[in-house]
Amino acid sequence: MNPWLEKLRRLQESPVGQAITEANAQTAASSLKVPPIEVVQESEPEAVTWLRTKLITPQRIAPLVAAWVGERDGSTGRWIDDLMQARWALKVEAYIGEDDRFWWRLTGTSV
């Protein structure tokens, strides 16, 4: 074994070496200033909020889509794709109502 490595090992095992190692560890730990993690909660997309409020009770799909997008997709500044993403995010169920029209409802709500 290398004589320098042997001296280093003995120094590390001695009380002085252990004190130096401990002091270095404390200095290193105190010098590591980690800023606190800031949890940023993203706000819910507008389409999700809007659709959730509309589906407090089941709604016919066609008038609901028309209310969201206007006469043509985007004419209100809102897009049908956003509404469809909201539909999936909320796990909206589509079904045929007693009037033979298509309806949406939130999962778990009854007709």
Protein backbone atom coordinates (compact mmCIF):
# COMPACT_ATOMS: atom_id res chain seq x y z
CA MET A 1 0.00 0.00 0.00
CA ASN A 2 1.15 3.53 -0.73
CA PRO A 3 2.63 5.09 2.44
CA TRP A 4 0.80 8.38 1.82
CA LEU A 5 -2.54 6.62 1.55
CA GLU A 6 -1.78 4.75 4.77
CA LYS A 7 -0.99 8.05 6.56
CA LEU A 8 -4.19 9.60 5.19
CA ARG A 9 -6.24 6.62 6.38
CA ARG A 10 -4.73 6.84 9.86
CA LEU A 11 -5.34 10.59 9.99
CA GLN A 12 -8.99 10.14 8.98
CA GLU A 13 -9.48 7.51 11.68
CA SER A 14 -7.84 9.63 14.40
CA PRO A 15 -9.93 11.94 16.63
CA VAL A 16 -8.41 14.97 14.90
CA GLY A 17 -9.20 13.58 11.45
CA GLN A 18 -12.77 12.80 12.47
CA ALA A 19 -13.21 16.32 13.87
CA ILE A 20 -11.89 17.80 10.63
CA THR A 21 -14.19 15.57 8.56
CA GLU A 22 -17.20 16.50 10.72
CA ALA A 23 -16.37 20.22 10.56
CA ASN A 24 -16.03 20.02 6.78
CA ALA A 25 -19.37 18.24 6.51
CA GLN A 26 -21.11 20.89 8.64
CA THR A 27 -19.51 23.72 6.66
CA ALA A 28 -20.52 22.11 3.40
CA ALA A 29 -24.07 21.57 4.62
CA SER A 30 -24.45 25.13 5.87
CA SER A 31 -23.05 26.55 2.64
CA LEU A 32 -25.69 24.75 0.60
CA LYS A 33 -28.48 27.27 0.60
CA VAL A 34 -31.42 25.65 -1.11
CA PRO A 35 -34.33 28.01 -1.62
CA PRO A 36 -37.68 26.68 -0.39
CA ILE A 37 -39.72 24.96 -3.03
CA GLU A 38 -42.54 27.16 -4.15
CA VAL A 39 -45.64 25.26 -5.11
CA VAL A 40 -47.34 27.01 -7.97
CA GLN A 41 -50.89 25.92 -8.41
CA GLU A 42 -51.98 26.32 -11.98
CA SER A 43 -55.39 27.74 -12.46
CA GLU A 44 -57.97 25.59 -14.13
CA PRO A 45 -58.50 26.21 -17.86
CA GLU A 46 -61.48 28.45 -18.61
CA ALA A 47 -63.24 25.70 -20.56
CA VAL A 48 -63.11 23.30 -17.60
CA THR A 49 -64.55 25.88 -15.21
CA TRP A 50 -67.24 26.89 -17.68
CA LEU A 51 -68.28 23.33 -18.51
CA ARG A 52 -68.36 22.25 -14.86
CA THR A 53 -70.74 25.10 -14.00
CA LYS A 54 -72.97 24.30 -16.98
CA LEU A 55 -73.15 20.60 -16.14
CA ILE A 56 -74.53 21.03 -12.66
CA THR A 57 -77.54 19.52 -14.40
CA PRO A 58 -77.36 17.46 -17.64
CA GLN A 59 -77.33 19.59 -20.80
CA ARG A 60 -78.03 18.97 -24.47
CA ILE A 61 -74.74 18.94 -26.37
CA ALA A 62 -75.59 21.10 -29.39
CA PRO A 63 -76.78 24.21 -27.49
CA LEU A 64 -73.88 23.82 -25.06
CA VAL A 65 -71.30 23.75 -27.86
CA ALA A 66 -73.01 26.69 -29.58
CA ALA A 67 -72.92 28.69 -26.35
CA TRP A 68 -69.19 28.03 -26.04
CA VAL A 69 -67.97 28.65 -29.61
CA GLY A 70 -70.66 30.94 -31.02
CA GLU A 71 -71.98 30.73 -34.58
CA ARG A 72 -68.64 29.50 -35.91
CA ASP A 73 -65.73 27.88 -34.11
CA GLY A 74 -63.68 30.68 -32.61
CA SER A 75 -66.16 33.49 -33.21
CA THR A 76 -66.33 34.05 -29.44
CA GLY A 77 -62.56 33.72 -29.06
CA ARG A 78 -63.12 30.22 -27.68
CA TRP A 79 -62.51 26.98 -29.54
CA ILE A 80 -64.31 23.65 -29.65
CA ASP A 81 -60.99 21.84 -29.06
CA ASP A 82 -60.75 23.51 -25.64
CA LEU A 83 -64.28 22.39 -24.82
CA MET A 84 -63.52 18.81 -25.87
CA GLN A 85 -60.38 18.77 -23.72
CA ALA A 86 -62.46 20.04 -20.81
CA ARG A 87 -64.96 17.27 -21.50
CA TRP A 88 -62.24 14.63 -21.13
CA ALA A 89 -60.71 16.32 -18.10
CA LEU A 90 -64.08 16.27 -16.33
CA LYS A 91 -64.93 12.74 -17.52
CA VAL A 92 -68.19 13.97 -19.03
CA GLU A 93 -70.59 11.23 -20.17
CA ALA A 94 -72.58 11.50 -23.38
CA TYR A 95 -75.94 9.76 -23.61
CA ILE A 96 -79.18 9.82 -25.57
CA GLY A 97 -81.98 11.39 -23.56
CA GLU A 98 -85.65 10.51 -23.52
CA ASP A 99 -86.14 13.16 -26.22
CA ASP A 100 -83.77 11.17 -28.54
CA ARG A 101 -81.20 13.99 -28.40
CA PHE A 102 -77.62 13.80 -27.27
CA TRP A 103 -76.87 15.07 -23.77
CA TRP A 104 -73.80 15.52 -21.56
CA ARG A 105 -73.62 14.98 -17.83
CA LEU A 106 -70.86 14.79 -15.28
CA THR A 107 -69.88 11.25 -14.37
CA GLY A 108 -71.96 10.00 -11.48
CA THR A 109 -74.93 12.30 -11.95
CA SER A 110 -78.26 10.70 -12.67
CA VAL A 111 -80.91 11.74 -15.14
